[in-house]
Amino acid sequence: MYVYFHFRCWLPDLANDTYEVQGKWHAVKINQSIPWETHKDDSLIYSDCELYVTNDKTVYNNASVPENVTKEECHSWVYDQSTFKNTFITKVHPKELNPSLH
């Protein structure tokens, strides 16, 4: 049996970021920061590898997605804990997964 462990890039300017959306403000911040990608089952998910590079002059579309920006690799992640609170990865690499522990 295979269980997919959902995760996405951690929002660098949000120390208490979680995979679970914390409210409308959080959903907007995620859309402004993390690109969508197609999962192997053809569903859309947030990237687990890239973040948008934005600044004060960035223009956003109606869905709060930045336009004409580059992307950079992310180095920390947040995980969906609705199925598993902890896994081998979250126990072995807690600082990489939760930057607030640095």
PDB file of N, CA and C in Angstrom:
ATOM      1  N   MET A   1       0.845  -1.186   0.000  1.00  0.00           N
ATOM      2  CA  MET A   1       0.000   0.000   0.000  1.00  0.00           C
ATOM      3  C   MET A   1       0.886   1.244   0.000  1.00  0.00           C
ATOM      4  N   TYR A   2       0.572   2.180  -0.865  1.00  0.00           N
ATOM      5  CA  TYR A   2       1.337   3.412  -0.983  1.00  0.00           C
ATOM      6  C   TYR A   2       0.507   4.582  -0.466  1.00  0.00           C
ATOM      7  N   VAL A   3       1.090   5.371   0.425  1.00  0.00           N
ATOM      8  CA  VAL A   3       0.420   6.565   0.943  1.00  0.00           C
ATOM      9  C   VAL A   3       1.264   7.765   0.544  1.00  0.00           C
ATOM     10  N   TYR A   4       0.657   8.704  -0.180  1.00  0.00           N
ATOM     11  CA  TYR A   4       1.387   9.918  -0.568  1.00  0.00           C
ATOM     12  C   TYR A   4       1.392  10.882   0.598  1.00  0.00           C
ATOM     13  N   PHE A   5       2.558  11.382   0.925  1.00  0.00           N
ATOM     14  CA  PHE A   5       2.755  12.309   2.037  1.00  0.00           C
ATOM     15  C   PHE A   5       2.781  13.727   1.458  1.00  0.00           C
ATOM     16  N   HIS A   6       1.719  14.486   1.620  1.00  0.00           N
ATOM     17  CA  HIS A   6       1.629  15.827   1.045  1.00  0.00           C
ATOM     18  C   HIS A   6       2.525  16.816   1.790  1.00  0.00           C
ATOM     19  N   PHE A   7       3.219  17.627   1.021  1.00  0.00           N
ATOM     20  CA  PHE A   7       4.040  18.690   1.589  1.00  0.00           C
ATOM     21  C   PHE A   7       4.251  19.766   0.546  1.00  0.00           C
ATOM     22  N   ARG A   8       4.706  20.921   1.005  1.00  0.00           N
ATOM     23  CA  ARG A   8       5.011  22.035   0.111  1.00  0.00           C
ATOM     24  C   ARG A   8       6.142  22.844   0.722  1.00  0.00           C
ATOM     25  N   CYS A   9       6.645  23.797  -0.043  1.00  0.00           N
ATOM     26  CA  CYS A   9       7.687  24.682   0.464  1.00  0.00           C
ATOM     27  C   CYS A   9       7.160  25.482   1.655  1.00  0.00           C
ATOM     28  N   TRP A  10       8.033  25.707   2.617  1.00  0.00           N
ATOM     29  CA  TRP A  10       7.734  26.555   3.767  1.00  0.00           C
ATOM     30  C   TRP A  10       7.814  28.015   3.322  1.00  0.00           C
ATOM     31  N   LEU A  11       6.901  28.863   3.813  1.00  0.00           N
ATOM     32  CA  LEU A  11       6.934  30.290   3.489  1.00  0.00           C
ATOM     33  C   LEU A  11       8.018  30.951   4.340  1.00  0.00           C
ATOM     34  N   PRO A  12       9.083  31.437   3.729  1.00  0.00           N
ATOM     35  CA  PRO A  12      10.249  31.922   4.472  1.00  0.00           C
ATOM     36  C   PRO A  12       9.974  33.050   5.460  1.00  0.00           C
ATOM     37  N   ASP A  13       8.987  33.867   5.196  1.00  0.00           N
ATOM     38  CA  ASP A  13       8.729  34.999   6.097  1.00  0.00           C
ATOM     39  C   ASP A  13       7.591  34.722   7.083  1.00  0.00           C
ATOM     40  N   LEU A  14       7.248  33.450   7.275  1.00  0.00           N
ATOM     41  CA  LEU A  14       6.162  33.091   8.186  1.00  0.00           C
ATOM     42  C   LEU A  14       6.641  31.965   9.108  1.00  0.00           C
ATOM     43  N   ALA A  15       7.125  32.342  10.292  1.00  0.00           N
ATOM     44  CA  ALA A  15       7.724  31.382  11.219  1.00  0.00           C
ATOM     45  C   ALA A  15       6.769  30.266  11.617  1.00  0.00           C
ATOM     46  N   ASN A  16       5.485  30.560  11.715  1.00  0.00           N
ATOM     47  CA  ASN A  16       4.520  29.547  12.148  1.00  0.00           C
ATOM     48  C   ASN A  16       3.732  28.960  10.975  1.00  0.00           C
ATOM     49  N   ASP A  17       4.367  28.880   9.805  1.00  0.00           N
ATOM     50  CA  ASP A  17       3.697  28.333   8.631  1.00  0.00           C
ATOM     51  C   ASP A  17       3.323  26.872   8.879  1.00  0.00           C
ATOM     52  N   THR A  18       2.177  26.468   8.361  1.00  0.00           N
ATOM     53  CA  THR A  18       1.716  25.086   8.442  1.00  0.00           C
ATOM     54  C   THR A  18       1.204  24.661   7.073  1.00  0.00           C
ATOM     55  N   TYR A  19       1.150  23.369   6.832  1.00  0.00           N
ATOM     56  CA  TYR A  19       0.580  22.873   5.579  1.00  0.00           C
ATOM     57  C   TYR A  19      -0.907  23.217   5.511  1.00  0.00           C
ATOM     58  N   GLU A  20      -1.588  23.043   6.618  1.00  0.00           N
ATOM     59  CA  GLU A  20      -3.016  23.372   6.695  1.00  0.00           C
ATOM     60  C   GLU A  20      -3.189  24.886   6.572  1.00  0.00           C
ATOM     61  N   VAL A  21      -4.098  25.313   5.716  1.00  0.00           N
ATOM     62  CA  VAL A  21      -4.344  26.736   5.505  1.00  0.00           C
ATOM     63  C   VAL A  21      -4.979  27.325   6.765  1.00  0.00           C
ATOM     64  N   GLN A  22      -4.383  28.396   7.283  1.00  0.00           N
ATOM     65  CA  GLN A  22      -4.779  29.006   8.544  1.00  0.00           C
ATOM     66  C   GLN A  22      -5.886  30.046   8.398  1.00  0.00           C
ATOM     67  N   GLY A  23      -6.241  30.379   7.194  1.00  0.00           N
ATOM     68  CA  GLY A  23      -7.276  31.375   6.937  1.00  0.00           C
ATOM     69  C   GLY A  23      -7.087  31.951   5.544  1.00  0.00           C
ATOM     70  N   LYS A  24      -7.982  32.870   5.170  1.00  0.00           N
ATOM     71  CA  LYS A  24      -7.904  33.465   3.830  1.00  0.00           C
ATOM     72  C   LYS A  24      -6.566  34.170   3.608  1.00  0.00           C
ATOM     73  N   TRP A  25      -6.086  34.891   4.619  1.00  0.00           N
ATOM     74  CA  TRP A  25      -4.804  35.601   4.513  1.00  0.00           C
ATOM     75  C   TRP A  25      -3.671  34.616   4.203  1.00  0.00           C
ATOM     76  N   HIS A  26      -3.723  33.420   4.788  1.00  0.00           N
ATOM     77  CA  HIS A  26      -2.694  32.412   4.575  1.00  0.00           C
ATOM     78  C   HIS A  26      -2.789  31.834   3.160  1.00  0.00           C
ATOM     79  N   ALA A  27      -4.008  31.584   2.698  1.00  0.00           N
ATOM     80  CA  ALA A  27      -4.213  31.084   1.332  1.00  0.00           C
ATOM     81  C   ALA A  27      -3.663  32.074   0.309  1.00  0.00           C
ATOM     82  N   VAL A  28      -3.910  33.364   0.525  1.00  0.00           N
ATOM     83  CA  VAL A  28      -3.389  34.400  -0.377  1.00  0.00           C
ATOM     84  C   VAL A  28      -1.861  34.400  -0.342  1.00  0.00           C
ATOM     85  N   LYS A  29      -1.284  34.326   0.849  1.00  0.00           N
ATOM     86  CA  LYS A  29       0.178  34.327   0.999  1.00  0.00           C
ATOM     87  C   LYS A  29       0.806  33.118   0.300  1.00  0.00           C
ATOM     88  N   ILE A  30       0.163  31.954   0.408  1.00  0.00           N
ATOM     89  CA  ILE A  30       0.670  30.756  -0.272  1.00  0.00           C
ATOM     90  C   ILE A  30       0.622  30.962  -1.789  1.00  0.00           C
ATOM     91  N   ASN A  31      -0.502  31.473  -2.315  1.00  0.00           N
ATOM     92  CA  ASN A  31      -0.618  31.725  -3.765  1.00  0.00           C
ATOM     93  C   ASN A  31       0.408  32.730  -4.245  1.00  0.00           C
ATOM     94  N   GLN A  32       0.738  33.705  -3.413  1.00  0.00           N
ATOM     95  CA  GLN A  32       1.719  34.723  -3.781  1.00  0.00           C
ATOM     96  C   GLN A  32       3.148  34.194  -3.740  1.00  0.00           C
ATOM     97  N   SER A  33       3.356  33.078  -3.066  1.00  0.00           N
ATOM     98  CA  SER A  33       4.715  32.610  -2.805  1.00  0.00           C
ATOM     99  C   SER A  33       5.107  31.300  -3.479  1.00  0.00           C
ATOM    100  N   ILE A  34       4.129  30.422  -3.740  1.00  0.00           N
ATOM    101  CA  ILE A  34       4.459  29.074  -4.198  1.00  0.00           C
ATOM    102  C   ILE A  34       3.724  28.737  -5.495  1.00  0.00           C
ATOM    103  N   PRO A  35       4.461  28.327  -6.520  1.00  0.00           N
ATOM    104  CA  PRO A  35       3.816  27.958  -7.790  1.00  0.00           C
ATOM    105  C   PRO A  35       3.041  26.647  -7.677  1.00  0.00           C
ATOM    106  N   TRP A  36       2.036  26.506  -8.545  1.00  0.00           N
ATOM    107  CA  TRP A  36       1.288  25.259  -8.669  1.00  0.00           C
ATOM    108  C   TRP A  36       2.058  24.341  -9.596  1.00  0.00           C
ATOM    109  N   GLU A  37       1.915  23.039  -9.373  1.00  0.00           N
ATOM    110  CA  GLU A  37       2.465  22.049 -10.296  1.00  0.00           C
ATOM    111  C   GLU A  37       1.475  20.895 -10.405  1.00  0.00           C
ATOM    112  N   THR A  38       1.615  20.111 -11.438  1.00  0.00           N
ATOM    113  CA  THR A  38       0.713  18.982 -11.659  1.00  0.00           C
ATOM    114  C   THR A  38       1.274  17.743 -10.981  1.00  0.00           C
ATOM    115  N   HIS A  39       0.483  17.154 -10.111  1.00  0.00           N
ATOM    116  CA  HIS A  39       0.855  15.918  -9.420  1.00  0.00           C
ATOM    117  C   HIS A  39       0.724  14.758 -10.397  1.00  0.00           C
ATOM    118  N   LYS A  40       1.304  13.614 -10.076  1.00  0.00           N
ATOM    119  CA  LYS A  40       1.250  12.473 -11.002  1.00  0.00           C
ATOM    120  C   LYS A  40      -0.159  11.956 -11.250  1.00  0.00           C
ATOM    121  N   ASP A  41      -1.133  12.304 -10.375  1.00  0.00           N
ATOM    122  CA  ASP A  41      -2.527  11.909 -10.624  1.00  0.00           C
ATOM    123  C   ASP A  41      -3.294  13.007 -11.371  1.00  0.00           C
ATOM    124  N   ASP A  42      -2.561  13.975 -11.917  1.00  0.00           N
ATOM    125  CA  ASP A  42      -3.086  15.112 -12.689  1.00  0.00           C
ATOM    126  C   ASP A  42      -3.797  16.170 -11.849  1.00  0.00           C
ATOM    127  N   SER A  43      -3.757  16.063 -10.529  1.00  0.00           N
ATOM    128  CA  SER A  43      -4.320  17.121  -9.685  1.00  0.00           C
ATOM    129  C   SER A  43      -3.287  18.240  -9.531  1.00  0.00           C
ATOM    130  N   LEU A  44      -3.748  19.440  -9.223  1.00  0.00           N
ATOM    131  CA  LEU A  44      -2.845  20.558  -8.988  1.00  0.00           C
ATOM    132  C   LEU A  44      -2.476  20.606  -7.513  1.00  0.00           C
ATOM    133  N   ILE A  45      -1.174  20.746  -7.251  1.00  0.00           N
ATOM    134  CA  ILE A  45      -0.682  20.863  -5.884  1.00  0.00           C
ATOM    135  C   ILE A  45       0.346  21.985  -5.848  1.00  0.00           C
ATOM    136  N   TYR A  46       0.634  22.487  -4.645  1.00  0.00           N
ATOM    137  CA  TYR A  46       1.688  23.490  -4.516  1.00  0.00           C
ATOM    138  C   TYR A  46       3.050  22.826  -4.663  1.00  0.00           C
ATOM    139  N   SER A  47       3.982  23.540  -5.222  1.00  0.00           N
ATOM    140  CA  SER A  47       5.320  23.018  -5.452  1.00  0.00           C
ATOM    141  C   SER A  47       5.997  22.619  -4.139  1.00  0.00           C
ATOM    142  N   ASP A  48       6.735  21.533  -4.201  1.00  0.00           N
ATOM    143  CA  ASP A  48       7.547  21.145  -3.061  1.00  0.00           C
ATOM    144  C   ASP A  48       9.022  21.462  -3.320  1.00  0.00           C
ATOM    145  N   CYS A  49       9.285  22.178  -4.414  1.00  0.00           N
ATOM    146  CA  CYS A  49      10.669  22.474  -4.797  1.00  0.00           C
ATOM    147  C   CYS A  49      10.967  23.959  -5.030  1.00  0.00           C
ATOM    148  N   GLU A  50       9.939  24.757  -5.358  1.00  0.00           N
ATOM    149  CA  GLU A  50      10.208  26.130  -5.791  1.00  0.00           C
ATOM    150  C   GLU A  50       9.323  27.160  -5.097  1.00  0.00           C
ATOM    151  N   LEU A  51       9.890  28.366  -4.992  1.00  0.00           N
ATOM    152  CA  LEU A  51       9.183  29.549  -4.500  1.00  0.00           C
ATOM    153  C   LEU A  51       9.291  30.647  -5.548  1.00  0.00           C
ATOM    154  N   TYR A  52       8.302  31.532  -5.602  1.00  0.00           N
ATOM    155  CA  TYR A  52       8.421  32.713  -6.459  1.00  0.00           C
ATOM    156  C   TYR A  52       9.385  33.706  -5.816  1.00  0.00           C
ATOM    157  N   VAL A  53      10.158  34.386  -6.648  1.00  0.00           N
ATOM    158  CA  VAL A  53      11.016  35.482  -6.194  1.00  0.00           C
ATOM    159  C   VAL A  53      10.244  36.765  -6.450  1.00  0.00           C
ATOM    160  N   THR A  54       9.786  37.420  -5.392  1.00  0.00           N
ATOM    161  CA  THR A  54       8.974  38.631  -5.518  1.00  0.00           C
ATOM    162  C   THR A  54       9.628  39.793  -4.777  1.00  0.00           C
ATOM    163  N   ASN A  55       9.108  40.989  -5.042  1.00  0.00           N
ATOM    164  CA  ASN A  55       9.562  42.184  -4.334  1.00  0.00           C
ATOM    165  C   ASN A  55       8.403  43.176  -4.265  1.00  0.00           C
ATOM    166  N   ASP A  56       8.674  44.380  -3.800  1.00  0.00           N
ATOM    167  CA  ASP A  56       7.625  45.399  -3.625  1.00  0.00           C
ATOM    168  C   ASP A  56       6.968  45.815  -4.937  1.00  0.00           C
ATOM    169  N   LYS A  57       7.623  45.576  -6.065  1.00  0.00           N
ATOM    170  CA  LYS A  57       7.084  45.995  -7.356  1.00  0.00           C
ATOM    171  C   LYS A  57       6.386  44.857  -8.107  1.00  0.00           C
ATOM    172  N   THR A  58       6.290  43.689  -7.494  1.00  0.00           N
ATOM    173  CA  THR A  58       5.662  42.537  -8.143  1.00  0.00           C
ATOM    174  C   THR A  58       4.178  42.799  -8.379  1.00  0.00           C
ATOM    175  N   VAL A  59       3.711  42.438  -9.565  1.00  0.00           N
ATOM    176  CA  VAL A  59       2.296  42.569  -9.930  1.00  0.00           C
ATOM    177  C   VAL A  59       1.649  41.195  -9.793  1.00  0.00           C
ATOM    178  N   TYR A  60       0.447  41.161  -9.187  1.00  0.00           N
ATOM    179  CA  TYR A  60      -0.270  39.900  -8.962  1.00  0.00           C
ATOM    180  C   TYR A  60      -1.553  39.887  -9.785  1.00  0.00           C
ATOM    181  N   ASN A  61      -1.955  38.706 -10.257  1.00  0.00           N
ATOM    182  CA  ASN A  61      -3.210  38.585 -10.990  1.00  0.00           C
ATOM    183  C   ASN A  61      -4.382  38.458 -10.012  1.00  0.00           C
ATOM    184  N   ASN A  62      -5.588  38.234 -10.523  1.00  0.00           N
ATOM    185  CA  ASN A  62      -6.777  38.164  -9.667  1.00  0.00           C
ATOM    186  C   ASN A  62      -6.771  36.990  -8.699  1.00  0.00           C
ATOM    187  N   ALA A  63      -5.953  35.983  -8.965  1.00  0.00           N
ATOM    188  CA  ALA A  63      -5.847  34.826  -8.077  1.00  0.00           C
ATOM    189  C   ALA A  63      -4.680  34.968  -7.094  1.00  0.00           C
ATOM    190  N   SER A  64      -4.111  36.181  -7.017  1.00  0.00           N
ATOM    191  CA  SER A  64      -2.972  36.484  -6.133  1.00  0.00           C
ATOM    192  C   SER A  64      -1.694  35.763  -6.541  1.00  0.00           C
ATOM    193  N   VAL A  65      -1.583  35.407  -7.804  1.00  0.00           N
ATOM    194  CA  VAL A  65      -0.379  34.757  -8.319  1.00  0.00           C
ATOM    195  C   VAL A  65       0.483  35.816  -8.989  1.00  0.00           C
ATOM    196  N   PRO A  66       1.782  35.880  -8.653  1.00  0.00           N
ATOM    197  CA  PRO A  66       2.643  36.901  -9.262  1.00  0.00           C
ATOM    198  C   PRO A  66       2.859  36.654 -10.754  1.00  0.00           C
ATOM    199  N   GLU A  67       2.990  37.759 -11.473  1.00  0.00           N
ATOM    200  CA  GLU A  67       3.203  37.694 -12.915  1.00  0.00           C
ATOM    201  C   GLU A  67       4.636  38.075 -13.247  1.00  0.00           C
ATOM    202  N   ASN A  68       5.198  37.393 -14.232  1.00  0.00           N
ATOM    203  CA  ASN A  68       6.531  37.702 -14.755  1.00  0.00           C
ATOM    204  C   ASN A  68       7.610  37.710 -13.675  1.00  0.00           C
ATOM    205  N   VAL A  69       7.654  36.649 -12.883  1.00  0.00           N
ATOM    206  CA  VAL A  69       8.683  36.531 -11.847  1.00  0.00           C
ATOM    207  C   VAL A  69       9.490  35.256 -12.067  1.00  0.00           C
ATOM    208  N   THR A  70      10.651  35.214 -11.471  1.00  0.00           N
ATOM    209  CA  THR A  70      11.468  34.006 -11.519  1.00  0.00           C
ATOM    210  C   THR A  70      11.148  33.136 -10.305  1.00  0.00           C
ATOM    211  N   LYS A  71      11.725  31.967 -10.292  1.00  0.00           N
ATOM    212  CA  LYS A  71      11.525  31.027  -9.182  1.00  0.00           C
ATOM    213  C   LYS A  71      12.884  30.653  -8.608  1.00  0.00           C
ATOM    214  N   GLU A  72      12.875  30.257  -7.333  1.00  0.00           N
ATOM    215  CA  GLU A  72      14.090  29.765  -6.699  1.00  0.00           C
ATOM    216  C   GLU A  72      13.766  28.485  -5.930  1.00  0.00           C
ATOM    217  N   GLU A  73      14.786  27.712  -5.672  1.00  0.00           N
ATOM    218  CA  GLU A  73      14.624  26.460  -4.946  1.00  0.00           C
ATOM    219  C   GLU A  73      14.298  26.733  -3.480  1.00  0.00           C
ATOM    220  N   CYS A  74      13.392  25.965  -2.913  1.00  0.00           N
ATOM    221  CA  CYS A  74      13.132  26.115  -1.474  1.00  0.00           C
ATOM    222  C   CYS A  74      13.998  25.123  -0.705  1.00  0.00           C
ATOM    223  N   HIS A  75      14.234  25.423   0.572  1.00  0.00           N
ATOM    224  CA  HIS A  75      15.138  24.612   1.389  1.00  0.00           C
ATOM    225  C   HIS A  75      14.491  24.107   2.668  1.00  0.00           C
ATOM    226  N   SER A  76      13.229  24.462   2.879  1.00  0.00           N
ATOM    227  CA  SER A  76      12.487  24.002   4.057  1.00  0.00           C
ATOM    228  C   SER A  76      11.055  23.722   3.636  1.00  0.00           C
ATOM    229  N   TRP A  77      10.383  22.838   4.377  1.00  0.00           N
ATOM    230  CA  TRP A  77       9.064  22.377   3.970  1.00  0.00           C
ATOM    231  C   TRP A  77       8.105  22.286   5.146  1.00  0.00           C
ATOM    232  N   VAL A  78       6.811  22.304   4.827  1.00  0.00           N
ATOM    233  CA  VAL A  78       5.765  22.014   5.806  1.00  0.00           C
ATOM    234  C   VAL A  78       4.998  20.803   5.279  1.00  0.00           C
ATOM    235  N   TYR A  79       4.548  19.964   6.216  1.00  0.00           N
ATOM    236  CA  TYR A  79       3.931  18.686   5.860  1.00  0.00           C
ATOM    237  C   TYR A  79       2.496  18.589   6.348  1.00  0.00           C
ATOM    238  N   ASP A  80       1.689  17.920   5.556  1.00  0.00           N
ATOM    239  CA  ASP A  80       0.316  17.607   5.939  1.00  0.00           C
ATOM    240  C   ASP A  80       0.379  16.593   7.079  1.00  0.00           C
ATOM    241  N   GLN A  81      -0.159  16.969   8.238  1.00  0.00           N
ATOM    242  CA  GLN A  81      -0.129  16.081   9.397  1.00  0.00           C
ATOM    243  C   GLN A  81      -1.494  15.475   9.691  1.00  0.00           C
ATOM    244  N   SER A  82      -2.396  15.505   8.708  1.00  0.00           N
ATOM    245  CA  SER A  82      -3.734  14.960   8.934  1.00  0.00           C
ATOM    246  C   SER A  82      -3.728  13.431   9.013  1.00  0.00           C
ATOM    247  N   THR A  83      -2.765  12.785   8.376  1.00  0.00           N
ATOM    248  CA  THR A  83      -2.672  11.321   8.433  1.00  0.00           C
ATOM    249  C   THR A  83      -1.606  10.867   9.426  1.00  0.00           C
ATOM    250  N   PHE A  84      -0.421  11.503   9.357  1.00  0.00           N
ATOM    251  CA  PHE A  84       0.696  11.152  10.233  1.00  0.00           C
ATOM    252  C   PHE A  84       1.205  12.410  10.928  1.00  0.00           C
ATOM    253  N   LYS A  85       1.289  12.395  12.254  1.00  0.00           N
ATOM    254  CA  LYS A  85       1.853  13.532  12.991  1.00  0.00           C
ATOM    255  C   LYS A  85       3.364  13.591  12.807  1.00  0.00           C
ATOM    256  N   ASN A  86       4.005  12.435  12.788  1.00  0.00           N
ATOM    257  CA  ASN A  86       5.455  12.342  12.627  1.00  0.00           C
ATOM    258  C   ASN A  86       5.794  11.191  11.694  1.00  0.00           C
ATOM    259  N   THR A  87       6.907  11.354  11.000  1.00  0.00           N
ATOM    260  CA  THR A  87       7.439  10.299  10.149  1.00  0.00           C
ATOM    261  C   THR A  87       8.939  10.221  10.394  1.00  0.00           C
ATOM    262  N   PHE A  88       9.591   9.300   9.764  1.00  0.00           N
ATOM    263  CA  PHE A  88      11.043   9.190   9.877  1.00  0.00           C
ATOM    264  C   PHE A  88      11.703  10.520   9.500  1.00  0.00           C
ATOM    265  N   ILE A  89      11.267  11.118   8.404  1.00  0.00           N
ATOM    266  CA  ILE A  89      11.857  12.373   7.924  1.00  0.00           C
ATOM    267  C   ILE A  89      11.662  13.497   8.936  1.00  0.00           C
ATOM    268  N   THR A  90      10.468  13.647   9.497  1.00  0.00           N
ATOM    269  CA  THR A  90      10.227  14.745  10.439  1.00  0.00           C
ATOM    270  C   THR A  90      10.997  14.548  11.739  1.00  0.00           C
ATOM    271  N   LYS A  91      11.313  13.324  12.100  1.00  0.00           N
ATOM    272  CA  LYS A  91      12.110  13.051  13.297  1.00  0.00           C
ATOM    273  C   LYS A  91      13.603  13.252  13.054  1.00  0.00           C
ATOM    274  N   VAL A  92      14.087  12.860  11.883  1.00  0.00           N
ATOM    275  CA  VAL A  92      15.518  12.917  11.583  1.00  0.00           C
ATOM    276  C   VAL A  92      15.965  14.325  11.194  1.00  0.00           C
ATOM    277  N   HIS A  93      15.116  15.093  10.491  1.00  0.00           N
ATOM    278  CA  HIS A  93      15.495  16.417   9.984  1.00  0.00           C
ATOM    279  C   HIS A  93      14.527  17.508  10.452  1.00  0.00           C
ATOM    280  N   PRO A  94      14.277  17.654  11.742  1.00  0.00           N
ATOM    281  CA  PRO A  94      13.265  18.632  12.176  1.00  0.00           C
ATOM    282  C   PRO A  94      13.608  20.078  11.843  1.00  0.00           C
ATOM    283  N   LYS A  95      14.887  20.466  11.860  1.00  0.00           N
ATOM    284  CA  LYS A  95      15.243  21.864  11.585  1.00  0.00           C
ATOM    285  C   LYS A  95      15.041  22.228  10.122  1.00  0.00           C
ATOM    286  N   GLU A  96      15.287  21.296   9.208  1.00  0.00           N
ATOM    287  CA  GLU A  96      15.068  21.569   7.794  1.00  0.00           C
ATOM    288  C   GLU A  96      13.585  21.670   7.472  1.00  0.00           C
ATOM    289  N   LEU A  97      12.773  20.981   8.242  1.00  0.00           N
ATOM    290  CA  LEU A  97      11.331  20.967   7.990  1.00  0.00           C
ATOM    291  C   LEU A  97      10.611  22.086   8.718  1.00  0.00           C
ATOM    292  N   ASN A  98      11.152  22.527   9.837  1.00  0.00           N
ATOM    293  CA  ASN A  98      10.526  23.586  10.609  1.00  0.00           C
ATOM    294  C   ASN A  98      11.580  24.626  10.952  1.00  0.00           C
ATOM    295  N   PRO A  99      11.744  25.627  10.110  1.00  0.00           N
ATOM    296  CA  PRO A  99      12.792  26.630  10.283  1.00  0.00           C
ATOM    297  C   PRO A  99      12.701  27.406  11.591  1.00  0.00           C
ATOM    298  N   SER A 100      11.556  27.417  12.238  1.00  0.00           N
ATOM    299  CA  SER A 100      11.455  28.147  13.508  1.00  0.00           C
ATOM    300  C   SER A 100      12.283  27.482  14.586  1.00  0.00           C
ATOM    301  N   LEU A 101      12.775  26.253  14.353  1.00  0.00           N
ATOM    302  CA  LEU A 101      13.635  25.565  15.314  1.00  0.00           C
ATOM    303  C   LEU A 101      15.088  25.981  15.187  1.00  0.00           C
ATOM    304  N   HIS A 102      15.448  26.740  14.174  1.00  0.00           N
ATOM    305  CA  HIS A 102      16.846  27.149  13.951  1.00  0.00           C
ATOM    306  C   HIS A 102      17.306  28.063  15.062  1.00  0.00           C
TER     307      HIS A 102
END
